Amino acid sequence: MGDNELSLIDKQLTSLQDLALSPAVTSLNLHCNHIPRIEGLSSAWHLRHLDLSSNRISKIEGLSSLTSLRTLNLSSNLITKIEGLNGLVNLTKLNLSYNQINNVTGLLYLHGTEYKLKHLSLNSNLIDSMDHLLQCLLGLQGLRSVTLSKDGGDNPVCSAPGYWEIVMESLPQISVLDGLDRLRHPSSPGISSLCDIPCLEDYADFLVSSDASHSEAVKGAATTPHIDKVLTQFREQIALKKTTEQATDPVTQPVRQSSVTDPPNPINEERIKKLEHQVSQLIQQVTYQHLKLTLIMDVFVQIRV
């Protein structure tokens, strides 16, 4: 575990005030303690991952200073209302499953393009109003995945006729509901889910951007300026050589003069094009495989540490 990651799982803690948190801490895991209140986090400015699952928290509060927070896990607590999320502009994943939530009004404060919430887990709660739920979710513009039912734990609203279709039709921004995509196929977590693991977060960000670059590259021919430059120089040298031979060979000069105006040899041109394509594809494959291998090796190193 890194120097900026603090894990105090099942340590019988009863208060966050007892912790002397460094402003440099980026990950704090306090799963399975006896903490009744969220407090004492105002100095943890760089905190990006906070796990307070399986505690005794009844109210969401004390988070306004955590503007760097990306993942928040408050599952398995005693929360009845979503609130206190104001200002969490970088929050991407919120887990509030296994609580007693009936009011989700606090999600209204995460509406707008400046907020980044993508994954929301609300399974095993007491949400019973479809209209209230949809009203609070519709403005979450970055939302991609919602979980209201999982492993037998759901909400009363999930029993409404046509529940799945109504939610998917009413929330065009989401692509996954209860673990199923819009074709009702099981959803693959993908690279971006590595962001949920603190030690892999930076790798996930890097791979997402690299994967996008790779996708763009394979859509069309890759840009290879250095190769193009070399091939252009090669063609120019061939043309110069032909011109020089014509100037120094009086016997063949008339014939070579006429051949200068002829189009390039189609066989050679075709071979050059094939070479360009093969080199371009090779560069793409090697670069992409290298990125994946680097990720795997780094993951193993993190696990061994």
C-alpha atoms as a PDB file:
ATOM      1  CA  MET A   1       0.000   0.000   0.000  1.00  0.00           C
ATOM      2  CA  GLY A   2       1.334   3.430  -0.915  1.00  0.00           C
ATOM      3  CA  ASP A   3       2.404   6.044   1.582  1.00  0.00           C
ATOM      4  CA  ASN A   4      -0.689   8.117   0.765  1.00  0.00           C
ATOM      5  CA  GLU A   5      -3.131   5.240   1.366  1.00  0.00           C
ATOM      6  CA  LEU A   6      -4.506   4.534   4.836  1.00  0.00           C
ATOM      7  CA  SER A   7      -6.475   1.370   5.616  1.00  0.00           C
ATOM      8  CA  LEU A   8      -8.025   0.820   9.053  1.00  0.00           C
ATOM      9  CA  ILE A   9     -10.499  -1.967   8.370  1.00  0.00           C
ATOM     10  CA  ASP A  10     -12.279  -3.492  11.346  1.00  0.00           C
ATOM     11  CA  LYS A  11     -10.270  -1.600  13.981  1.00  0.00           C
ATOM     12  CA  GLN A  12     -13.205  -0.909  16.326  1.00  0.00           C
ATOM     13  CA  LEU A  13     -12.971   2.831  15.607  1.00  0.00           C
ATOM     14  CA  THR A  14     -15.790   4.915  17.043  1.00  0.00           C
ATOM     15  CA  SER A  15     -14.899   8.388  15.747  1.00  0.00           C
ATOM     16  CA  LEU A  16     -13.133   9.992  12.799  1.00  0.00           C
ATOM     17  CA  GLN A  17     -11.901  12.676  15.168  1.00  0.00           C
ATOM     18  CA  ASP A  18      -9.422  10.163  16.574  1.00  0.00           C
ATOM     19  CA  LEU A  19      -7.557  10.064  13.267  1.00  0.00           C
ATOM     20  CA  ALA A  20      -4.678  12.448  12.603  1.00  0.00           C
ATOM     21  CA  LEU A  21      -5.038  12.591   8.852  1.00  0.00           C
ATOM     22  CA  SER A  22      -2.267  14.011   6.728  1.00  0.00           C
ATOM     23  CA  PRO A  23      -3.341  16.432   3.971  1.00  0.00           C
ATOM     24  CA  ALA A  24      -1.374  14.189   1.597  1.00  0.00           C
ATOM     25  CA  VAL A  25      -3.576  11.112   2.087  1.00  0.00           C
ATOM     26  CA  THR A  26      -5.388  10.135  -1.117  1.00  0.00           C
ATOM     27  CA  SER A  27      -7.148   6.929  -0.079  1.00  0.00           C
ATOM     28  CA  LEU A  28      -8.881   6.193   3.244  1.00  0.00           C
ATOM     29  CA  ASN A  29     -10.534   2.841   3.965  1.00  0.00           C
ATOM     30  CA  LEU A  30     -12.485   2.619   7.235  1.00  0.00           C
ATOM     31  CA  HIS A  31     -14.714  -0.321   6.340  1.00  0.00           C
ATOM     32  CA  CYS A  32     -16.386  -2.216   9.169  1.00  0.00           C
ATOM     33  CA  ASN A  33     -15.938   0.046  12.168  1.00  0.00           C
ATOM     34  CA  HIS A  34     -18.380   1.727  14.574  1.00  0.00           C
ATOM     35  CA  ILE A  35     -18.253   5.280  13.252  1.00  0.00           C
ATOM     36  CA  PRO A  36     -21.599   7.126  13.661  1.00  0.00           C
ATOM     37  CA  ARG A  37     -20.722  10.422  11.989  1.00  0.00           C
ATOM     38  CA  ILE A  38     -18.669  11.825   9.084  1.00  0.00           C
ATOM     39  CA  GLU A  39     -16.405  14.492  10.548  1.00  0.00           C
ATOM     40  CA  GLY A  40     -12.772  15.541  10.859  1.00  0.00           C
ATOM     41  CA  LEU A  41     -11.997  15.343   7.144  1.00  0.00           C
ATOM     42  CA  SER A  42     -11.658  19.052   6.410  1.00  0.00           C
ATOM     43  CA  SER A  43      -7.846  18.845   6.142  1.00  0.00           C
ATOM     44  CA  ALA A  44      -7.834  15.878   3.723  1.00  0.00           C
ATOM     45  CA  TRP A  45      -7.836  18.099   0.645  1.00  0.00           C
ATOM     46  CA  HIS A  46      -6.265  15.494  -1.638  1.00  0.00           C
ATOM     47  CA  LEU A  47      -8.503  12.595  -0.643  1.00  0.00           C
ATOM     48  CA  ARG A  48      -9.707  10.771  -3.759  1.00  0.00           C
ATOM     49  CA  HIS A  49     -11.132   7.527  -2.359  1.00  0.00           C
ATOM     50  CA  LEU A  50     -13.184   7.247   0.825  1.00  0.00           C
ATOM     51  CA  ASP A  51     -14.682   3.984   2.096  1.00  0.00           C
ATOM     52  CA  LEU A  52     -16.926   4.237   5.164  1.00  0.00           C
ATOM     53  CA  SER A  53     -19.014   1.178   4.386  1.00  0.00           C
ATOM     54  CA  SER A  54     -20.378  -1.007   7.183  1.00  0.00           C
ATOM     55  CA  ASN A  55     -20.404   1.650   9.884  1.00  0.00           C
ATOM     56  CA  ARG A  56     -23.212   3.362  11.819  1.00  0.00           C
ATOM     57  CA  ILE A  57     -23.585   6.548   9.794  1.00  0.00           C
ATOM     58  CA  SER A  58     -27.097   7.978   9.569  1.00  0.00           C
ATOM     59  CA  LYS A  59     -26.420  11.242   7.719  1.00  0.00           C
ATOM     60  CA  ILE A  60     -24.242  12.281   4.750  1.00  0.00           C
ATOM     61  CA  GLU A  61     -22.303  15.324   5.924  1.00  0.00           C
ATOM     62  CA  GLY A  62     -18.784  16.692   6.419  1.00  0.00           C
ATOM     63  CA  LEU A  63     -17.702  16.169   2.802  1.00  0.00           C
ATOM     64  CA  SER A  64     -17.839  19.697   1.354  1.00  0.00           C
ATOM     65  CA  SER A  65     -14.057  20.227   1.494  1.00  0.00           C
ATOM     66  CA  LEU A  66     -13.245  17.013  -0.398  1.00  0.00           C
ATOM     67  CA  THR A  67     -13.255  18.519  -3.876  1.00  0.00           C
ATOM     68  CA  SER A  68     -10.790  15.890  -5.169  1.00  0.00           C
ATOM     69  CA  LEU A  69     -12.946  12.950  -4.074  1.00  0.00           C
ATOM     70  CA  ARG A  70     -13.623  10.451  -6.879  1.00  0.00           C
ATOM     71  CA  THR A  71     -15.138   7.419  -5.177  1.00  0.00           C
ATOM     72  CA  LEU A  72     -17.357   7.384  -2.097  1.00  0.00           C
ATOM     73  CA  ASN A  73     -18.595   4.170  -0.504  1.00  0.00           C
ATOM     74  CA  LEU A  74     -21.233   4.592   2.209  1.00  0.00           C
ATOM     75  CA  SER A  75     -22.929   1.246   1.714  1.00  0.00           C
ATOM     76  CA  SER A  76     -24.296  -0.746   4.639  1.00  0.00           C
ATOM     77  CA  ASN A  77     -25.016   2.177   6.940  1.00  0.00           C
ATOM     78  CA  LEU A  78     -28.183   3.742   8.381  1.00  0.00           C
ATOM     79  CA  ILE A  79     -28.694   6.542   5.850  1.00  0.00           C
ATOM     80  CA  THR A  80     -32.279   7.519   4.999  1.00  0.00           C
ATOM     81  CA  LYS A  81     -31.732  10.514   2.716  1.00  0.00           C
ATOM     82  CA  ILE A  82     -29.234  11.552   0.042  1.00  0.00           C
ATOM     83  CA  GLU A  83     -27.766  14.928   0.987  1.00  0.00           C
ATOM     84  CA  GLY A  84     -24.462  16.644   1.704  1.00  0.00           C
ATOM     85  CA  LEU A  85     -22.886  16.009  -1.711  1.00  0.00           C
ATOM     86  CA  ASN A  86     -22.612  19.669  -2.704  1.00  0.00           C
ATOM     87  CA  GLY A  87     -19.281  20.610  -4.234  1.00  0.00           C
ATOM     88  CA  LEU A  88     -18.065  17.091  -5.013  1.00  0.00           C
ATOM     89  CA  VAL A  89     -17.343  18.037  -8.618  1.00  0.00           C
ATOM     90  CA  ASN A  90     -14.903  15.161  -9.234  1.00  0.00           C
ATOM     91  CA  LEU A  91     -17.037  12.388  -7.756  1.00  0.00           C
ATOM     92  CA  THR A  92     -17.402   9.607 -10.344  1.00  0.00           C
ATOM     93  CA  LYS A  93     -18.673   6.670  -8.288  1.00  0.00           C
ATOM     94  CA  LEU A  94     -21.160   6.744  -5.407  1.00  0.00           C
ATOM     95  CA  ASN A  95     -22.166   3.585  -3.557  1.00  0.00           C
ATOM     96  CA  LEU A  96     -25.148   3.987  -1.221  1.00  0.00           C
ATOM     97  CA  SER A  97     -26.432   0.426  -1.384  1.00  0.00           C
ATOM     98  CA  TYR A  98     -27.790  -1.413   1.664  1.00  0.00           C
ATOM     99  CA  ASN A  99     -29.115   1.635   3.500  1.00  0.00           C
ATOM    100  CA  GLN A 100     -32.642   2.828   4.262  1.00  0.00           C
ATOM    101  CA  ILE A 101     -32.838   5.571   1.626  1.00  0.00           C
ATOM    102  CA  ASN A 102     -36.238   6.771   0.511  1.00  0.00           C
ATOM    103  CA  ASN A 103     -35.358  10.355  -0.453  1.00  0.00           C
ATOM    104  CA  VAL A 104     -32.776  10.995  -3.207  1.00  0.00           C
ATOM    105  CA  THR A 105     -33.257  14.777  -3.449  1.00  0.00           C
ATOM    106  CA  GLY A 106     -29.567  15.392  -2.740  1.00  0.00           C
ATOM    107  CA  LEU A 107     -28.713  14.171  -6.232  1.00  0.00           C
ATOM    108  CA  LEU A 108     -30.186  17.406  -7.587  1.00  0.00           C
ATOM    109  CA  TYR A 109     -27.054  19.193  -6.357  1.00  0.00           C
ATOM    110  CA  LEU A 110     -24.932  17.049  -8.698  1.00  0.00           C
ATOM    111  CA  HIS A 111     -26.773  18.200 -11.821  1.00  0.00           C
ATOM    112  CA  GLY A 112     -24.863  20.119 -14.478  1.00  0.00           C
ATOM    113  CA  THR A 113     -21.889  19.635 -16.766  1.00  0.00           C
ATOM    114  CA  GLU A 114     -19.358  20.482 -14.055  1.00  0.00           C
ATOM    115  CA  TYR A 115     -20.203  17.287 -12.153  1.00  0.00           C
ATOM    116  CA  LYS A 116     -18.807  13.910 -13.207  1.00  0.00           C
ATOM    117  CA  LEU A 117     -20.863  11.223 -11.464  1.00  0.00           C
ATOM    118  CA  LYS A 118     -20.889   8.121 -13.689  1.00  0.00           C
ATOM    119  CA  HIS A 119     -21.744   5.151 -11.470  1.00  0.00           C
ATOM    120  CA  LEU A 120     -24.505   5.140  -8.865  1.00  0.00           C
ATOM    121  CA  SER A 121     -25.408   2.154  -6.677  1.00  0.00           C
ATOM    122  CA  LEU A 122     -28.713   2.331  -4.773  1.00  0.00           C
ATOM    123  CA  ASN A 123     -29.691  -1.331  -4.532  1.00  0.00           C
ATOM    124  CA  SER A 124     -31.236  -2.574  -1.288  1.00  0.00           C
ATOM    125  CA  ASN A 125     -32.901   0.679  -0.249  1.00  0.00           C
ATOM    126  CA  LEU A 126     -36.483   1.891   0.188  1.00  0.00           C
ATOM    127  CA  ILE A 127     -37.031   4.034  -2.931  1.00  0.00           C
ATOM    128  CA  ASP A 128     -40.691   3.708  -3.886  1.00  0.00           C
ATOM    129  CA  SER A 129     -41.469   6.692  -6.150  1.00  0.00           C
ATOM    130  CA  MET A 130     -40.587   6.359  -9.834  1.00  0.00           C
ATOM    131  CA  ASP A 131     -41.311  10.026 -10.573  1.00  0.00           C
ATOM    132  CA  HIS A 132     -39.126  11.224  -7.700  1.00  0.00           C
ATOM    133  CA  LEU A 133     -36.307   8.916  -8.743  1.00  0.00           C
ATOM    134  CA  LEU A 134     -36.330   9.929 -12.407  1.00  0.00           C
ATOM    135  CA  GLN A 135     -36.566  13.621 -11.592  1.00  0.00           C
ATOM    136  CA  CYS A 136     -33.427  13.422  -9.476  1.00  0.00           C
ATOM    137  CA  LEU A 137     -31.476  11.258 -11.944  1.00  0.00           C
ATOM    138  CA  LEU A 138     -32.317  12.992 -15.221  1.00  0.00           C
ATOM    139  CA  GLY A 139     -30.013  15.960 -14.678  1.00  0.00           C
ATOM    140  CA  LEU A 140     -26.966  13.790 -13.912  1.00  0.00           C
ATOM    141  CA  GLN A 141     -25.517  14.362 -17.358  1.00  0.00           C
ATOM    142  CA  GLY A 142     -22.428  12.177 -16.938  1.00  0.00           C
ATOM    143  CA  LEU A 143     -24.326   9.223 -15.464  1.00  0.00           C
ATOM    144  CA  ARG A 144     -23.656   5.943 -17.275  1.00  0.00           C
ATOM    145  CA  SER A 145     -24.552   3.161 -14.841  1.00  0.00           C
ATOM    146  CA  VAL A 146     -27.326   2.871 -12.233  1.00  0.00           C
ATOM    147  CA  THR A 147     -27.921  -0.075  -9.922  1.00  0.00           C
ATOM    148  CA  LEU A 148     -31.280  -0.301  -8.163  1.00  0.00           C
ATOM    149  CA  SER A 149     -31.467  -4.086  -7.996  1.00  0.00           C
ATOM    150  CA  LYS A 150     -28.641  -6.566  -7.473  1.00  0.00           C
ATOM    151  CA  ASP A 151     -28.325 -10.066  -6.075  1.00  0.00           C
ATOM    152  CA  GLY A 152     -31.885 -10.042  -4.790  1.00  0.00           C
ATOM    153  CA  GLY A 153     -31.571  -6.693  -3.064  1.00  0.00           C
ATOM    154  CA  ASP A 154     -33.706  -4.072  -4.761  1.00  0.00           C
ATOM    155  CA  ASN A 155     -36.106  -1.169  -4.091  1.00  0.00           C
ATOM    156  CA  PRO A 156     -39.921  -1.116  -4.046  1.00  0.00           C
ATOM    157  CA  VAL A 157     -39.814   0.871  -7.291  1.00  0.00           C
ATOM    158  CA  CYS A 158     -38.275  -2.130  -9.045  1.00  0.00           C
ATOM    159  CA  SER A 159     -41.581  -3.978  -8.715  1.00  0.00           C
ATOM    160  CA  ALA A 160     -43.458  -1.428 -10.815  1.00  0.00           C
ATOM    161  CA  PRO A 161     -44.751  -2.775 -14.170  1.00  0.00           C
ATOM    162  CA  GLY A 162     -42.281  -2.016 -16.950  1.00  0.00           C
ATOM    163  CA  TYR A 163     -39.736  -0.689 -14.440  1.00  0.00           C
ATOM    164  CA  TRP A 164     -36.639  -1.511 -16.514  1.00  0.00           C
ATOM    165  CA  GLU A 165     -38.023  -0.092 -19.775  1.00  0.00           C
ATOM    166  CA  ILE A 166     -39.329   3.079 -18.102  1.00  0.00           C
ATOM    167  CA  VAL A 167     -35.985   3.885 -16.493  1.00  0.00           C
ATOM    168  CA  MET A 168     -33.972   3.225 -19.657  1.00  0.00           C
ATOM    169  CA  GLU A 169     -36.322   5.304 -21.815  1.00  0.00           C
ATOM    170  CA  SER A 170     -36.461   8.168 -19.322  1.00  0.00           C
ATOM    171  CA  LEU A 171     -32.693   8.379 -18.798  1.00  0.00           C
ATOM    172  CA  PRO A 172     -31.083   8.478 -22.264  1.00  0.00           C
ATOM    173  CA  GLN A 173     -27.644   9.224 -20.803  1.00  0.00           C
ATOM    174  CA  ILE A 174     -27.263   5.881 -19.046  1.00  0.00           C
ATOM    175  CA  SER A 175     -26.082   2.740 -20.827  1.00  0.00           C
ATOM    176  CA  VAL A 176     -26.305   0.207 -17.992  1.00  0.00           C
ATOM    177  CA  LEU A 177     -29.145  -0.505 -15.542  1.00  0.00           C
ATOM    178  CA  ASP A 178     -28.820  -3.196 -12.901  1.00  0.00           C
ATOM    179  CA  GLY A 179     -25.792  -4.668 -14.645  1.00  0.00           C
ATOM    180  CA  LEU A 180     -27.465  -4.974 -18.063  1.00  0.00           C
ATOM    181  CA  ASP A 181     -26.841  -2.864 -21.146  1.00  0.00           C
ATOM    182  CA  ARG A 182     -29.616  -1.563 -23.393  1.00  0.00           C
ATOM    183  CA  LEU A 183     -29.801  -4.915 -25.178  1.00  0.00           C
ATOM    184  CA  ARG A 184     -30.195  -6.611 -21.796  1.00  0.00           C
ATOM    185  CA  HIS A 185     -26.781  -8.182 -22.076  1.00  0.00           C
ATOM    186  CA  PRO A 186     -24.499  -8.375 -19.030  1.00  0.00           C
ATOM    187  CA  SER A 187     -22.318  -5.298 -18.996  1.00  0.00           C
ATOM    188  CA  SER A 188     -18.551  -5.606 -19.050  1.00  0.00           C
ATOM    189  CA  PRO A 189     -16.862  -3.415 -16.407  1.00  0.00           C
ATOM    190  CA  GLY A 190     -14.141  -2.238 -18.806  1.00  0.00           C
ATOM    191  CA  ILE A 191     -10.893  -0.418 -18.118  1.00  0.00           C
ATOM    192  CA  SER A 192     -12.572   2.552 -16.489  1.00  0.00           C
ATOM    193  CA  SER A 193     -13.617   0.375 -13.532  1.00  0.00           C
ATOM    194  CA  LEU A 194      -9.979   0.217 -12.504  1.00  0.00           C
ATOM    195  CA  CYS A 195     -10.583   3.732 -11.198  1.00  0.00           C
ATOM    196  CA  ASP A 196     -12.470   2.064  -8.340  1.00  0.00           C
ATOM    197  CA  ILE A 197      -9.184   0.547  -7.141  1.00  0.00           C
ATOM    198  CA  PRO A 198      -6.979   3.251  -5.617  1.00  0.00           C
ATOM    199  CA  CYS A 199      -3.629   1.726  -6.592  1.00  0.00           C
ATOM    200  CA  LEU A 200      -4.758   1.311 -10.218  1.00  0.00           C
ATOM    201  CA  GLU A 201      -6.481   4.643 -10.710  1.00  0.00           C
ATOM    202  CA  ASP A 202      -3.616   6.371 -12.535  1.00  0.00           C
ATOM    203  CA  TYR A 203      -3.109   3.332 -14.783  1.00  0.00           C
ATOM    204  CA  ALA A 204      -6.791   3.326 -15.678  1.00  0.00           C
ATOM    205  CA  ASP A 205      -6.733   6.982 -16.670  1.00  0.00           C
ATOM    206  CA  PHE A 206      -3.680   6.332 -18.838  1.00  0.00           C
ATOM    207  CA  LEU A 207      -5.172   3.256 -20.494  1.00  0.00           C
ATOM    208  CA  VAL A 208      -8.505   4.936 -21.207  1.00  0.00           C
ATOM    209  CA  SER A 209      -6.757   7.744 -23.076  1.00  0.00           C
ATOM    210  CA  SER A 210      -4.411   5.276 -24.812  1.00  0.00           C
ATOM    211  CA  ASP A 211      -7.291   3.008 -25.792  1.00  0.00           C
ATOM    212  CA  ALA A 212      -9.122   5.966 -27.306  1.00  0.00           C
ATOM    213  CA  SER A 213      -6.029   6.909 -29.272  1.00  0.00           C
ATOM    214  CA  HIS A 214      -5.730   3.345 -30.534  1.00  0.00           C
ATOM    215  CA  SER A 215      -9.379   3.263 -31.586  1.00  0.00           C
ATOM    216  CA  GLU A 216      -8.957   6.457 -33.537  1.00  0.00           C
ATOM    217  CA  ALA A 217      -5.850   5.080 -35.215  1.00  0.00           C
ATOM    218  CA  VAL A 218      -7.439   1.868 -36.437  1.00  0.00           C
ATOM    219  CA  LYS A 219     -10.363   3.755 -37.986  1.00  0.00           C
ATOM    220  CA  GLY A 220      -8.088   4.921 -40.784  1.00  0.00           C
ATOM    221  CA  ALA A 221      -4.513   4.882 -41.901  1.00  0.00           C
ATOM    222  CA  ALA A 222      -2.066   5.729 -39.166  1.00  0.00           C
ATOM    223  CA  THR A 223      -0.065   8.920 -39.400  1.00  0.00           C
ATOM    224  CA  THR A 224       3.623   8.080 -39.830  1.00  0.00           C
ATOM    225  CA  PRO A 225       5.439  11.313 -40.724  1.00  0.00           C
ATOM    226  CA  HIS A 226       8.957   9.901 -40.337  1.00  0.00           C
ATOM    227  CA  ILE A 227       8.229   6.915 -42.554  1.00  0.00           C
ATOM    228  CA  ASP A 228       6.565   9.143 -45.136  1.00  0.00           C
ATOM    229  CA  LYS A 229       9.592  11.429 -45.134  1.00  0.00           C
ATOM    230  CA  VAL A 230      12.013   8.553 -45.690  1.00  0.00           C
ATOM    231  CA  LEU A 231       9.907   7.098 -48.494  1.00  0.00           C
ATOM    232  CA  THR A 232       9.662  10.515 -50.146  1.00  0.00           C
ATOM    233  CA  GLN A 233      13.418  10.888 -50.001  1.00  0.00           C
ATOM    234  CA  PHE A 234      13.781   7.393 -51.439  1.00  0.00           C
ATOM    235  CA  ARG A 235      11.531   8.263 -54.359  1.00  0.00           C
ATOM    236  CA  GLU A 236      13.426  11.490 -54.959  1.00  0.00           C
ATOM    237  CA  GLN A 237      16.750   9.629 -54.997  1.00  0.00           C
ATOM    238  CA  ILE A 238      15.410   7.121 -57.525  1.00  0.00           C
ATOM    239  CA  ALA A 239      14.141   9.932 -59.750  1.00  0.00           C
ATOM    240  CA  LEU A 240      17.463  11.786 -59.437  1.00  0.00           C
ATOM    241  CA  LYS A 241      19.368   8.653 -60.313  1.00  0.00           C
ATOM    242  CA  LYS A 242      17.281   8.144 -63.425  1.00  0.00           C
ATOM    243  CA  THR A 243      17.828  11.750 -64.466  1.00  0.00           C
ATOM    244  CA  THR A 244      21.596  11.428 -63.931  1.00  0.00           C
ATOM    245  CA  GLU A 245      21.747   8.234 -65.966  1.00  0.00           C
ATOM    246  CA  GLN A 246      19.910   9.918 -68.822  1.00  0.00           C
ATOM    247  CA  ALA A 247      22.312  12.857 -68.803  1.00  0.00           C
ATOM    248  CA  THR A 248      25.430  10.639 -68.869  1.00  0.00           C
ATOM    249  CA  ASP A 249      24.255   8.052 -71.396  1.00  0.00           C
ATOM    250  CA  PRO A 250      24.014   9.621 -74.904  1.00  0.00           C
ATOM    251  CA  VAL A 251      22.954   6.363 -76.503  1.00  0.00           C
ATOM    252  CA  THR A 252      19.940   5.855 -74.347  1.00  0.00           C
ATOM    253  CA  GLN A 253      19.267   9.527 -73.650  1.00  0.00           C
ATOM    254  CA  PRO A 254      16.367   9.917 -76.112  1.00  0.00           C
ATOM    255  CA  VAL A 255      14.739   6.764 -74.841  1.00  0.00           C
ATOM    256  CA  ARG A 256      15.248   7.742 -71.167  1.00  0.00           C
ATOM    257  CA  GLN A 257      13.965  11.244 -71.833  1.00  0.00           C
ATOM    258  CA  SER A 258      10.742   9.803 -73.070  1.00  0.00           C
ATOM    259  CA  SER A 259      10.550   7.449 -70.115  1.00  0.00           C
ATOM    260  CA  VAL A 260      10.888  10.337 -67.655  1.00  0.00           C
ATOM    261  CA  THR A 261       7.437  11.523 -68.557  1.00  0.00           C
ATOM    262  CA  ASP A 262       6.010   8.042 -68.158  1.00  0.00           C
ATOM    263  CA  PRO A 263       4.136   7.286 -64.922  1.00  0.00           C
ATOM    264  CA  PRO A 264       6.049   5.463 -62.165  1.00  0.00           C
ATOM    265  CA  ASN A 265       6.294   1.712 -62.346  1.00  0.00           C
ATOM    266  CA  PRO A 266       2.951   0.509 -60.901  1.00  0.00           C
ATOM    267  CA  ILE A 267       4.558  -2.635 -59.487  1.00  0.00           C
ATOM    268  CA  ASN A 268       7.096  -0.632 -57.459  1.00  0.00           C
ATOM    269  CA  GLU A 269       4.438   1.822 -56.337  1.00  0.00           C
ATOM    270  CA  GLU A 270       2.227  -1.016 -55.153  1.00  0.00           C
ATOM    271  CA  ARG A 271       5.118  -2.589 -53.240  1.00  0.00           C
ATOM    272  CA  ILE A 272       5.858   0.741 -51.533  1.00  0.00           C
ATOM    273  CA  LYS A 273       2.207   1.163 -50.533  1.00  0.00           C
ATOM    274  CA  LYS A 274       2.140  -2.341 -49.066  1.00  0.00           C
ATOM    275  CA  LEU A 275       5.313  -1.607 -47.150  1.00  0.00           C
ATOM    276  CA  GLU A 276       3.838   1.606 -45.740  1.00  0.00           C
ATOM    277  CA  HIS A 277       0.687  -0.220 -44.645  1.00  0.00           C
ATOM    278  CA  GLN A 278       2.587  -3.104 -43.025  1.00  0.00           C
ATOM    279  CA  VAL A 279       4.925  -0.814 -41.113  1.00  0.00           C
ATOM    280  CA  SER A 280       2.004   1.339 -39.981  1.00  0.00           C
ATOM    281  CA  GLN A 281       0.051  -1.660 -38.680  1.00  0.00           C
ATOM    282  CA  LEU A 282       3.140  -3.057 -36.970  1.00  0.00           C
ATOM    283  CA  ILE A 283       3.734   0.219 -35.133  1.00  0.00           C
ATOM    284  CA  GLN A 284       0.114   0.300 -33.947  1.00  0.00           C
ATOM    285  CA  GLN A 285       0.180  -3.304 -32.699  1.00  0.00           C
ATOM    286  CA  VAL A 286       3.517  -3.025 -30.923  1.00  0.00           C
ATOM    287  CA  THR A 287       2.551   0.234 -29.198  1.00  0.00           C
ATOM    288  CA  TYR A 288      -0.824  -1.051 -28.028  1.00  0.00           C
ATOM    289  CA  GLN A 289       0.531  -4.402 -26.815  1.00  0.00           C
ATOM    290  CA  HIS A 290       3.305  -2.600 -24.966  1.00  0.00           C
ATOM    291  CA  LEU A 291       0.739  -0.481 -23.098  1.00  0.00           C
ATOM    292  CA  LYS A 292      -1.240  -3.529 -22.022  1.00  0.00           C
ATOM    293  CA  LEU A 293       1.904  -5.418 -20.961  1.00  0.00           C
ATOM    294  CA  THR A 294       3.059  -2.419 -18.929  1.00  0.00           C
ATOM    295  CA  LEU A 295      -0.288  -2.291 -17.102  1.00  0.00           C
ATOM    296  CA  ILE A 296      -0.191  -6.035 -16.293  1.00  0.00           C
ATOM    297  CA  MET A 297       3.358  -5.870 -14.973  1.00  0.00           C
ATOM    298  CA  ASP A 298       2.571  -2.843 -12.817  1.00  0.00           C
ATOM    299  CA  VAL A 299      -0.518  -4.556 -11.415  1.00  0.00           C
ATOM    300  CA  PHE A 300       1.547  -7.565 -10.389  1.00  0.00           C
ATOM    301  CA  VAL A 301       4.082  -5.295  -8.719  1.00  0.00           C
ATOM    302  CA  GLN A 302       1.310  -3.515  -6.789  1.00  0.00           C
ATOM    303  CA  ILE A 303      -0.176  -6.855  -5.698  1.00  0.00           C
ATOM    304  CA  ARG A 304       3.179  -8.214  -4.545  1.00  0.00           C
ATOM    305  CA  VAL A 305       3.819  -5.037  -2.558  1.00  0.00           C
END
